[in-house]
């Protein structure tokens, strides 16, 4: 039986205004990863992902590359305890550091 892992990533670079979150959601849903992605006020993007080690590692690789018009300069990865709280992968607009681009 494969266990579930959880990772939080912070992605810096040209990652806002380039459909980064929408592409991330699409990739995560195809990979069967659950969690969320959001913009932060400092121009970075934060995501939390839960899934099997293979699917989460696939998404980490995706975040290192980014969407077609993005430029990823740095990614920080944090290991967290899985909670199983997410029904699917979503774009979210709440929480500390939130910025909606307006």
PDB file of N, CA and C in Angstrom:
ATOM      1  N   UNK A   1       0.840  -1.187   0.000  1.00  0.00           N
ATOM      2  CA  UNK A   1       0.000   0.000   0.000  1.00  0.00           C
ATOM      3  C   UNK A   1       0.884   1.249   0.000  1.00  0.00           C
ATOM      4  N   UNK A   2       0.600   2.183  -0.883  1.00  0.00           N
ATOM      5  CA  UNK A   2       1.375   3.417  -0.978  1.00  0.00           C
ATOM      6  C   UNK A   2       0.846   4.433   0.005  1.00  0.00           C
ATOM      7  N   UNK A   3       1.747   5.101   0.682  1.00  0.00           N
ATOM      8  CA  UNK A   3       1.335   6.089   1.667  1.00  0.00           C
ATOM      9  C   UNK A   3       1.202   7.474   1.038  1.00  0.00           C
ATOM     10  N   UNK A   4       0.511   8.337   1.762  1.00  0.00           N
ATOM     11  CA  UNK A   4       0.294   9.709   1.309  1.00  0.00           C
ATOM     12  C   UNK A   4       1.347  10.621   1.931  1.00  0.00           C
ATOM     13  N   UNK A   5       1.857  11.547   1.124  1.00  0.00           N
ATOM     14  CA  UNK A   5       2.779  12.558   1.637  1.00  0.00           C
ATOM     15  C   UNK A   5       2.197  13.940   1.356  1.00  0.00           C
ATOM     16  N   UNK A   6       2.735  14.931   2.039  1.00  0.00           N
ATOM     17  CA  UNK A   6       2.291  16.319   1.863  1.00  0.00           C
ATOM     18  C   UNK A   6       3.522  17.211   1.752  1.00  0.00           C
ATOM     19  N   UNK A   7       3.483  18.114   0.785  1.00  0.00           N
ATOM     20  CA  UNK A   7       4.549  19.091   0.615  1.00  0.00           C
ATOM     21  C   UNK A   7       3.943  20.465   0.383  1.00  0.00           C
ATOM     22  N   UNK A   8       4.587  21.463   0.931  1.00  0.00           N
ATOM     23  CA  UNK A   8       4.258  22.869   0.686  1.00  0.00           C
ATOM     24  C   UNK A   8       5.405  23.438  -0.126  1.00  0.00           C
ATOM     25  N   UNK A   9       5.079  24.179  -1.185  1.00  0.00           N
ATOM     26  CA  UNK A   9       6.120  24.803  -1.996  1.00  0.00           C
ATOM     27  C   UNK A   9       5.858  26.298  -2.096  1.00  0.00           C
ATOM     28  N   UNK A  10       6.942  27.044  -2.137  1.00  0.00           N
ATOM     29  CA  UNK A  10       6.911  28.473  -2.437  1.00  0.00           C
ATOM     30  C   UNK A  10       7.735  28.641  -3.703  1.00  0.00           C
ATOM     31  N   UNK A  11       7.124  29.228  -4.728  1.00  0.00           N
ATOM     32  CA  UNK A  11       7.773  29.381  -6.026  1.00  0.00           C
ATOM     33  C   UNK A  11       7.967  30.861  -6.301  1.00  0.00           C
ATOM     34  N   UNK A  12       9.207  31.249  -6.580  1.00  0.00           N
ATOM     35  CA  UNK A  12       9.534  32.641  -6.869  1.00  0.00           C
ATOM     36  C   UNK A  12       9.998  32.774  -8.315  1.00  0.00           C
ATOM     37  N   UNK A  13       9.738  33.931  -8.884  1.00  0.00           N
ATOM     38  CA  UNK A  13      10.094  34.217 -10.263  1.00  0.00           C
ATOM     39  C   UNK A  13       8.952  34.961 -10.921  1.00  0.00           C
ATOM     40  N   UNK A  14       8.820  34.785 -12.211  1.00  0.00           N
ATOM     41  CA  UNK A  14       7.679  35.370 -12.929  1.00  0.00           C
ATOM     42  C   UNK A  14       6.559  34.337 -12.911  1.00  0.00           C
ATOM     43  N   UNK A  15       5.796  34.327 -11.826  1.00  0.00           N
ATOM     44  CA  UNK A  15       4.797  33.288 -11.604  1.00  0.00           C
ATOM     45  C   UNK A  15       3.392  33.852 -11.361  1.00  0.00           C
ATOM     46  N   UNK A  16       3.239  35.155 -11.455  1.00  0.00           N
ATOM     47  CA  UNK A  16       1.907  35.753 -11.361  1.00  0.00           C
ATOM     48  C   UNK A  16       1.621  36.476 -12.668  1.00  0.00           C
ATOM     49  N   UNK A  17       0.363  36.413 -13.097  1.00  0.00           N
ATOM     50  CA  UNK A  17      -0.027  37.046 -14.346  1.00  0.00           C
ATOM     51  C   UNK A  17       0.314  36.236 -15.581  1.00  0.00           C
ATOM     52  N   UNK A  18       0.634  34.955 -15.401  1.00  0.00           N
ATOM     53  CA  UNK A  18       1.010  34.082 -16.515  1.00  0.00           C
ATOM     54  C   UNK A  18       0.228  32.762 -16.484  1.00  0.00           C
ATOM     55  N   UNK A  19      -0.922  32.762 -15.833  1.00  0.00           N
ATOM     56  CA  UNK A  19      -1.789  31.575 -15.707  1.00  0.00           C
ATOM     57  C   UNK A  19      -1.117  30.423 -14.963  1.00  0.00           C
ATOM     58  N   UNK A  20      -0.160  30.748 -14.121  1.00  0.00           N
ATOM     59  CA  UNK A  20       0.587  29.732 -13.380  1.00  0.00           C
ATOM     60  C   UNK A  20      -0.331  28.858 -12.530  1.00  0.00           C
ATOM     61  N   UNK A  21      -1.248  29.491 -11.786  1.00  0.00           N
ATOM     62  CA  UNK A  21      -2.138  28.724 -10.901  1.00  0.00           C
ATOM     63  C   UNK A  21      -3.078  27.825 -11.696  1.00  0.00           C
ATOM     64  N   UNK A  22      -3.610  28.317 -12.802  1.00  0.00           N
ATOM     65  CA  UNK A  22      -4.527  27.503 -13.613  1.00  0.00           C
ATOM     66  C   UNK A  22      -3.809  26.295 -14.203  1.00  0.00           C
ATOM     67  N   UNK A  23      -2.596  26.496 -14.701  1.00  0.00           N
ATOM     68  CA  UNK A  23      -1.816  25.371 -15.211  1.00  0.00           C
ATOM     69  C   UNK A  23      -1.466  24.388 -14.094  1.00  0.00           C
ATOM     70  N   UNK A  24      -1.143  24.905 -12.916  1.00  0.00           N
ATOM     71  CA  UNK A  24      -0.822  24.042 -11.774  1.00  0.00           C
ATOM     72  C   UNK A  24      -2.031  23.199 -11.391  1.00  0.00           C
ATOM     73  N   UNK A  25      -3.208  23.828 -11.346  1.00  0.00           N
ATOM     74  CA  UNK A  25      -4.424  23.085 -10.996  1.00  0.00           C
ATOM     75  C   UNK A  25      -4.676  21.979 -12.023  1.00  0.00           C
ATOM     76  N   UNK A  26      -4.535  22.277 -13.289  1.00  0.00           N
ATOM     77  CA  UNK A  26      -4.754  21.278 -14.333  1.00  0.00           C
ATOM     78  C   UNK A  26      -3.780  20.106 -14.197  1.00  0.00           C
ATOM     79  N   UNK A  27      -2.506  20.411 -13.998  1.00  0.00           N
ATOM     80  CA  UNK A  27      -1.491  19.358 -13.844  1.00  0.00           C
ATOM     81  C   UNK A  27      -1.757  18.519 -12.600  1.00  0.00           C
ATOM     82  N   UNK A  28      -2.116  19.171 -11.488  1.00  0.00           N
ATOM     83  CA  UNK A  28      -2.361  18.455 -10.232  1.00  0.00           C
ATOM     84  C   UNK A  28      -3.575  17.538 -10.343  1.00  0.00           C
ATOM     85  N   UNK A  29      -4.614  18.017 -10.994  1.00  0.00           N
ATOM     86  CA  UNK A  29      -5.806  17.179 -11.156  1.00  0.00           C
ATOM     87  C   UNK A  29      -5.519  15.978 -12.040  1.00  0.00           C
ATOM     88  N   UNK A  30      -4.732  16.157 -13.088  1.00  0.00           N
ATOM     89  CA  UNK A  30      -4.358  15.027 -13.941  1.00  0.00           C
ATOM     90  C   UNK A  30      -3.496  14.029 -13.182  1.00  0.00           C
ATOM     91  N   UNK A  31      -2.653  14.540 -12.285  1.00  0.00           N
ATOM     92  CA  UNK A  31      -1.761  13.678 -11.496  1.00  0.00           C
ATOM     93  C   UNK A  31      -2.465  13.061 -10.288  1.00  0.00           C
ATOM     94  N   UNK A  32      -3.708  13.469 -10.035  1.00  0.00           N
ATOM     95  CA  UNK A  32      -4.492  13.002  -8.879  1.00  0.00           C
ATOM     96  C   UNK A  32      -3.892  13.451  -7.551  1.00  0.00           C
ATOM     97  N   UNK A  33      -3.360  14.664  -7.554  1.00  0.00           N
ATOM     98  CA  UNK A  33      -2.850  15.293  -6.335  1.00  0.00           C
ATOM     99  C   UNK A  33      -3.945  16.209  -5.801  1.00  0.00           C
ATOM    100  N   UNK A  34      -4.100  16.263  -4.485  1.00  0.00           N
ATOM    101  CA  UNK A  34      -5.069  17.172  -3.887  1.00  0.00           C
ATOM    102  C   UNK A  34      -4.334  18.315  -3.202  1.00  0.00           C
ATOM    103  N   UNK A  35      -5.051  19.422  -2.925  1.00  0.00           N
ATOM    104  CA  UNK A  35      -4.449  20.561  -2.232  1.00  0.00           C
ATOM    105  C   UNK A  35      -4.926  21.865  -2.814  1.00  0.00           C
ATOM    106  N   UNK A  36      -4.035  22.846  -2.829  1.00  0.00           N
ATOM    107  CA  UNK A  36      -4.395  24.175  -3.331  1.00  0.00           C
ATOM    108  C   UNK A  36      -3.164  24.936  -3.783  1.00  0.00           C
ATOM    109  N   UNK A  37      -3.417  26.026  -4.533  1.00  0.00           N
ATOM    110  CA  UNK A  37      -2.373  26.937  -4.980  1.00  0.00           C
ATOM    111  C   UNK A  37      -2.913  28.351  -4.864  1.00  0.00           C
ATOM    112  N   UNK A  38      -2.041  29.314  -4.530  1.00  0.00           N
ATOM    113  CA  UNK A  38      -2.477  30.706  -4.408  1.00  0.00           C
ATOM    114  C   UNK A  38      -1.313  31.658  -4.650  1.00  0.00           C
ATOM    115  N   UNK A  39      -1.671  32.900  -5.017  1.00  0.00           N
ATOM    116  CA  UNK A  39      -0.690  33.976  -5.119  1.00  0.00           C
ATOM    117  C   UNK A  39      -0.396  34.522  -3.737  1.00  0.00           C
ATOM    118  N   UNK A  40       0.837  34.982  -3.535  1.00  0.00           N
ATOM    119  CA  UNK A  40       1.213  35.676  -2.302  1.00  0.00           C
ATOM    120  C   UNK A  40       1.524  37.129  -2.626  1.00  0.00           C
ATOM    121  N   UNK A  41       1.432  37.978  -1.620  1.00  0.00           N
ATOM    122  CA  UNK A  41       1.598  39.423  -1.798  1.00  0.00           C
ATOM    123  C   UNK A  41       2.973  39.803  -2.327  1.00  0.00           C
ATOM    124  N   UNK A  42       3.977  38.984  -2.077  1.00  0.00           N
ATOM    125  CA  UNK A  42       5.339  39.314  -2.520  1.00  0.00           C
ATOM    126  C   UNK A  42       5.615  38.921  -3.972  1.00  0.00           C
ATOM    127  N   UNK A  43       4.590  38.444  -4.681  1.00  0.00           N
ATOM    128  CA  UNK A  43       4.757  38.056  -6.083  1.00  0.00           C
ATOM    129  C   UNK A  43       5.060  36.587  -6.291  1.00  0.00           C
ATOM    130  N   UNK A  44       5.188  35.839  -5.217  1.00  0.00           N
ATOM    131  CA  UNK A  44       5.445  34.407  -5.330  1.00  0.00           C
ATOM    132  C   UNK A  44       4.125  33.633  -5.330  1.00  0.00           C
ATOM    133  N   UNK A  45       4.216  32.339  -5.506  1.00  0.00           N
ATOM    134  CA  UNK A  45       3.071  31.440  -5.480  1.00  0.00           C
ATOM    135  C   UNK A  45       3.348  30.372  -4.433  1.00  0.00           C
ATOM    136  N   UNK A  46       2.320  30.030  -3.670  1.00  0.00           N
ATOM    137  CA  UNK A  46       2.409  28.986  -2.658  1.00  0.00           C
ATOM    138  C   UNK A  46       1.442  27.872  -3.024  1.00  0.00           C
ATOM    139  N   UNK A  47       1.844  26.628  -2.789  1.00  0.00           N
ATOM    140  CA  UNK A  47       0.965  25.487  -3.031  1.00  0.00           C
ATOM    141  C   UNK A  47       1.180  24.448  -1.941  1.00  0.00           C
ATOM    142  N   UNK A  48       0.107  23.747  -1.628  1.00  0.00           N
ATOM    143  CA  UNK A  48       0.155  22.596  -0.727  1.00  0.00           C
ATOM    144  C   UNK A  48      -0.408  21.418  -1.506  1.00  0.00           C
ATOM    145  N   UNK A  49       0.305  20.301  -1.473  1.00  0.00           N
ATOM    146  CA  UNK A  49      -0.084  19.120  -2.247  1.00  0.00           C
ATOM    147  C   UNK A  49      -0.049  17.881  -1.381  1.00  0.00           C
ATOM    148  N   UNK A  50      -1.028  17.006  -1.579  1.00  0.00           N
ATOM    149  CA  UNK A  50      -1.033  15.691  -0.956  1.00  0.00           C
ATOM    150  C   UNK A  50      -1.269  14.636  -2.029  1.00  0.00           C
ATOM    151  N   UNK A  51      -0.575  13.522  -1.897  1.00  0.00           N
ATOM    152  CA  UNK A  51      -0.731  12.406  -2.824  1.00  0.00           C
ATOM    153  C   UNK A  51       0.316  11.361  -2.545  1.00  0.00           C
ATOM    154  N   UNK A  52       0.485  10.454  -3.475  1.00  0.00           N
ATOM    155  CA  UNK A  52       1.529   9.446  -3.329  1.00  0.00           C
ATOM    156  C   UNK A  52       2.881  10.125  -3.544  1.00  0.00           C
ATOM    157  N   UNK A  53       3.959   9.511  -3.096  1.00  0.00           N
ATOM    158  CA  UNK A  53       5.275  10.110  -3.361  1.00  0.00           C
ATOM    159  C   UNK A  53       5.507  10.382  -4.849  1.00  0.00           C
ATOM    160  N   UNK A  54       5.096   9.466  -5.717  1.00  0.00           N
ATOM    161  CA  UNK A  54       5.303   9.669  -7.158  1.00  0.00           C
ATOM    162  C   UNK A  54       4.518  10.864  -7.682  1.00  0.00           C
ATOM    163  N   UNK A  55       3.255  11.005  -7.276  1.00  0.00           N
ATOM    164  CA  UNK A  55       2.440  12.101  -7.808  1.00  0.00           C
ATOM    165  C   UNK A  55       2.879  13.445  -7.252  1.00  0.00           C
ATOM    166  N   UNK A  56       3.240  13.480  -5.980  1.00  0.00           N
ATOM    167  CA  UNK A  56       3.709  14.744  -5.396  1.00  0.00           C
ATOM    168  C   UNK A  56       5.059  15.128  -6.008  1.00  0.00           C
ATOM    169  N   UNK A  57       5.932  14.175  -6.207  1.00  0.00           N
ATOM    170  CA  UNK A  57       7.222  14.473  -6.837  1.00  0.00           C
ATOM    171  C   UNK A  57       7.041  14.927  -8.285  1.00  0.00           C
ATOM    172  N   UNK A  58       6.053  14.372  -8.986  1.00  0.00           N
ATOM    173  CA  UNK A  58       5.723  14.851 -10.322  1.00  0.00           C
ATOM    174  C   UNK A  58       5.355  16.329 -10.273  1.00  0.00           C
ATOM    175  N   UNK A  59       4.527  16.718  -9.292  1.00  0.00           N
ATOM    176  CA  UNK A  59       4.106  18.113  -9.173  1.00  0.00           C
ATOM    177  C   UNK A  59       5.264  19.021  -8.766  1.00  0.00           C
ATOM    178  N   UNK A  60       6.140  18.548  -7.916  1.00  0.00           N
ATOM    179  CA  UNK A  60       7.314  19.351  -7.565  1.00  0.00           C
ATOM    180  C   UNK A  60       8.146  19.619  -8.825  1.00  0.00           C
ATOM    181  N   UNK A  61       8.312  18.601  -9.654  1.00  0.00           N
ATOM    182  CA  UNK A  61       9.025  18.797 -10.926  1.00  0.00           C
ATOM    183  C   UNK A  61       8.278  19.791 -11.805  1.00  0.00           C
ATOM    184  N   UNK A  62       6.944  19.714 -11.812  1.00  0.00           N
ATOM    185  CA  UNK A  62       6.161  20.672 -12.585  1.00  0.00           C
ATOM    186  C   UNK A  62       6.398  22.093 -12.073  1.00  0.00           C
ATOM    187  N   UNK A  63       6.374  22.279 -10.757  1.00  0.00           N
ATOM    188  CA  UNK A  63       6.596  23.610 -10.177  1.00  0.00           C
ATOM    189  C   UNK A  63       7.999  24.129 -10.488  1.00  0.00           C
ATOM    190  N   UNK A  64       8.977  23.270 -10.587  1.00  0.00           N
ATOM    191  CA  UNK A  64      10.334  23.707 -10.951  1.00  0.00           C
ATOM    192  C   UNK A  64      10.360  24.274 -12.371  1.00  0.00           C
ATOM    193  N   UNK A  65       9.542  23.724 -13.260  1.00  0.00           N
ATOM    194  CA  UNK A  65       9.495  24.175 -14.653  1.00  0.00           C
ATOM    195  C   UNK A  65       8.493  25.320 -14.828  1.00  0.00           C
ATOM    196  N   UNK A  66       7.282  25.162 -14.290  1.00  0.00           N
ATOM    197  CA  UNK A  66       6.262  26.200 -14.375  1.00  0.00           C
ATOM    198  C   UNK A  66       5.414  26.133 -15.620  1.00  0.00           C
ATOM    199  N   UNK A  67       4.568  27.134 -15.775  1.00  0.00           N
ATOM    200  CA  UNK A  67       3.658  27.228 -16.923  1.00  0.00           C
ATOM    201  C   UNK A  67       4.410  27.776 -18.137  1.00  0.00           C
ATOM    202  N   UNK A  68       3.797  27.718 -19.322  1.00  0.00           N
ATOM    203  CA  UNK A  68       4.507  28.114 -20.546  1.00  0.00           C
ATOM    204  C   UNK A  68       5.116  29.518 -20.527  1.00  0.00           C
ATOM    205  N   UNK A  69       4.461  30.484 -19.924  1.00  0.00           N
ATOM    206  CA  UNK A  69       4.970  31.860 -19.961  1.00  0.00           C
ATOM    207  C   UNK A  69       5.599  32.309 -18.637  1.00  0.00           C
ATOM    208  N   UNK A  70       5.775  31.365 -17.719  1.00  0.00           N
ATOM    209  CA  UNK A  70       6.387  31.713 -16.430  1.00  0.00           C
ATOM    210  C   UNK A  70       7.900  31.557 -16.486  1.00  0.00           C
ATOM    211  N   UNK A  71       8.550  32.026 -15.439  1.00  0.00           N
ATOM    212  CA  UNK A  71       9.986  31.819 -15.244  1.00  0.00           C
ATOM    213  C   UNK A  71      10.184  31.511 -13.769  1.00  0.00           C
ATOM    214  N   UNK A  72      10.605  30.323 -13.451  1.00  0.00           N
ATOM    215  CA  UNK A  72      10.826  29.922 -12.063  1.00  0.00           C
ATOM    216  C   UNK A  72      12.280  30.180 -11.719  1.00  0.00           C
ATOM    217  N   UNK A  73      12.490  31.049 -10.725  1.00  0.00           N
ATOM    218  CA  UNK A  73      13.840  31.369 -10.260  1.00  0.00           C
ATOM    219  C   UNK A  73      14.243  30.547  -9.041  1.00  0.00           C
ATOM    220  N   UNK A  74      13.262  30.220  -8.210  1.00  0.00           N
ATOM    221  CA  UNK A  74      13.566  29.521  -6.958  1.00  0.00           C
ATOM    222  C   UNK A  74      12.327  28.771  -6.497  1.00  0.00           C
ATOM    223  N   UNK A  75      12.544  27.603  -5.900  1.00  0.00           N
ATOM    224  CA  UNK A  75      11.458  26.861  -5.277  1.00  0.00           C
ATOM    225  C   UNK A  75      11.944  26.365  -3.927  1.00  0.00           C
ATOM    226  N   UNK A  76      11.128  26.586  -2.924  1.00  0.00           N
ATOM    227  CA  UNK A  76      11.407  26.064  -1.586  1.00  0.00           C
ATOM    228  C   UNK A  76      10.366  25.002  -1.290  1.00  0.00           C
ATOM    229  N   UNK A  77      10.808  23.892  -0.734  1.00  0.00           N
ATOM    230  CA  UNK A  77       9.935  22.751  -0.481  1.00  0.00           C
ATOM    231  C   UNK A  77       9.957  22.439   1.012  1.00  0.00           C
ATOM    232  N   UNK A  78       8.769  22.298   1.574  1.00  0.00           N
ATOM    233  CA  UNK A  78       8.627  22.005   3.000  1.00  0.00           C
ATOM    234  C   UNK A  78       7.826  20.718   3.171  1.00  0.00           C
ATOM    235  N   UNK A  79       8.337  19.816   3.982  1.00  0.00           N
ATOM    236  CA  UNK A  79       7.632  18.577   4.287  1.00  0.00           C
ATOM    237  C   UNK A  79       6.638  18.854   5.407  1.00  0.00           C
ATOM    238  N   UNK A  80       5.412  18.380   5.241  1.00  0.00           N
ATOM    239  CA  UNK A  80       4.372  18.548   6.255  1.00  0.00           C
ATOM    240  C   UNK A  80       3.657  17.215   6.461  1.00  0.00           C
ATOM    241  N   UNK A  81       2.921  17.137   7.544  1.00  0.00           N
ATOM    242  CA  UNK A  81       2.159  15.931   7.849  1.00  0.00           C
ATOM    243  C   UNK A  81       0.865  15.932   7.040  1.00  0.00           C
ATOM    244  N   UNK A  82       0.565  14.851   6.309  1.00  0.00           N
ATOM    245  CA  UNK A  82      -0.678  14.788   5.533  1.00  0.00           C
ATOM    246  C   UNK A  82      -1.906  14.876   6.440  1.00  0.00           C
ATOM    247  N   UNK A  83      -2.938  15.543   5.950  1.00  0.00           N
ATOM    248  CA  UNK A  83      -4.169  15.689   6.729  1.00  0.00           C
ATOM    249  C   UNK A  83      -5.369  15.030   6.061  1.00  0.00           C
ATOM    250  N   UNK A  84      -5.293  14.811   4.748  1.00  0.00           N
ATOM    251  CA  UNK A  84      -6.419  14.236   4.028  1.00  0.00           C
ATOM    252  C   UNK A  84      -7.612  15.168   3.915  1.00  0.00           C
ATOM    253  N   UNK A  85      -7.405  16.467   4.130  1.00  0.00           N
ATOM    254  CA  UNK A  85      -8.511  17.423   4.179  1.00  0.00           C
ATOM    255  C   UNK A  85      -8.997  17.905   2.819  1.00  0.00           C
ATOM    256  N   UNK A  86      -8.273  17.627   1.751  1.00  0.00           N
ATOM    257  CA  UNK A  86      -8.605  18.208   0.454  1.00  0.00           C
ATOM    258  C   UNK A  86      -9.348  17.215  -0.434  1.00  0.00           C
ATOM    259  N   UNK A  87     -10.515  17.599  -0.971  1.00  0.00           N
ATOM    260  CA  UNK A  87     -11.225  16.702  -1.876  1.00  0.00           C
ATOM    261  C   UNK A  87     -10.610  16.688  -3.276  1.00  0.00           C
ATOM    262  N   UNK A  88      -9.987  17.786  -3.681  1.00  0.00           N
ATOM    263  CA  UNK A  88      -9.314  17.888  -4.982  1.00  0.00           C
ATOM    264  C   UNK A  88      -8.313  19.039  -4.920  1.00  0.00           C
ATOM    265  N   UNK A  89      -7.736  19.411  -6.047  1.00  0.00           N
ATOM    266  CA  UNK A  89      -6.772  20.508  -6.084  1.00  0.00           C
ATOM    267  C   UNK A  89      -7.470  21.757  -6.603  1.00  0.00           C
ATOM    268  N   UNK A  90      -7.351  22.861  -5.850  1.00  0.00           N
ATOM    269  CA  UNK A  90      -8.068  24.098  -6.164  1.00  0.00           C
ATOM    270  C   UNK A  90      -7.146  25.306  -6.150  1.00  0.00           C
ATOM    271  N   UNK A  91      -7.571  26.351  -6.821  1.00  0.00           N
ATOM    272  CA  UNK A  91      -6.985  27.678  -6.654  1.00  0.00           C
ATOM    273  C   UNK A  91      -7.717  28.308  -5.487  1.00  0.00           C
ATOM    274  N   UNK A  92      -6.974  28.829  -4.517  1.00  0.00           N
ATOM    275  CA  UNK A  92      -7.618  29.436  -3.356  1.00  0.00           C
ATOM    276  C   UNK A  92      -7.273  30.915  -3.286  1.00  0.00           C
ATOM    277  N   UNK A  93      -8.124  31.647  -2.609  1.00  0.00           N
ATOM    278  CA  UNK A  93      -7.981  33.098  -2.536  1.00  0.00           C
ATOM    279  C   UNK A  93      -8.014  33.585  -1.090  1.00  0.00           C
ATOM    280  N   UNK A  94      -7.585  32.770  -0.161  1.00  0.00           N
ATOM    281  CA  UNK A  94      -7.632  33.191   1.231  1.00  0.00           C
ATOM    282  C   UNK A  94      -6.343  32.834   1.950  1.00  0.00           C
ATOM    283  N   UNK A  95      -6.243  33.276   3.172  1.00  0.00           N
ATOM    284  CA  UNK A  95      -5.114  32.942   4.010  1.00  0.00           C
ATOM    285  C   UNK A  95      -4.101  34.065   4.112  1.00  0.00           C
ATOM    286  N   UNK A  96      -3.135  33.915   5.007  1.00  0.00           N
ATOM    287  CA  UNK A  96      -2.118  34.946   5.199  1.00  0.00           C
ATOM    288  C   UNK A  96      -1.288  35.136   3.945  1.00  0.00           C
ATOM    289  N   UNK A  97      -1.004  36.366   3.628  1.00  0.00           N
ATOM    290  CA  UNK A  97      -0.176  36.662   2.482  1.00  0.00           C
ATOM    291  C   UNK A  97      -0.929  36.680   1.166  1.00  0.00           C
ATOM    292  N   UNK A  98      -2.240  36.507   1.234  1.00  0.00           N
ATOM    293  CA  UNK A  98      -3.041  36.443   0.018  1.00  0.00           C
ATOM    294  C   UNK A  98      -3.002  37.768  -0.742  1.00  0.00           C
ATOM    295  N   UNK A  99      -2.936  37.626  -2.039  1.00  0.00           N
ATOM    296  CA  UNK A  99      -3.029  38.768  -2.933  1.00  0.00           C
ATOM    297  C   UNK A  99      -3.758  38.319  -4.185  1.00  0.00           C
ATOM    298  N   UNK A 100      -4.798  39.023  -4.572  1.00  0.00           N
ATOM    299  CA  UNK A 100      -5.617  38.548  -5.695  1.00  0.00           C
ATOM    300  C   UNK A 100      -5.232  39.177  -7.026  1.00  0.00           C
ATOM    301  N   UNK A 101      -4.187  39.942  -7.074  1.00  0.00           N
ATOM    302  CA  UNK A 101      -3.721  40.502  -8.328  1.00  0.00           C
ATOM    303  C   UNK A 101      -4.428  41.780  -8.760  1.00  0.00           C
ATOM    304  N   UNK A 102      -5.303  42.301  -7.930  1.00  0.00           N
ATOM    305  CA  UNK A 102      -6.013  43.534  -8.275  1.00  0.00           C
ATOM    306  C   UNK A 102      -5.380  44.738  -7.631  1.00  0.00           C
TER     307      UNK A 102
END
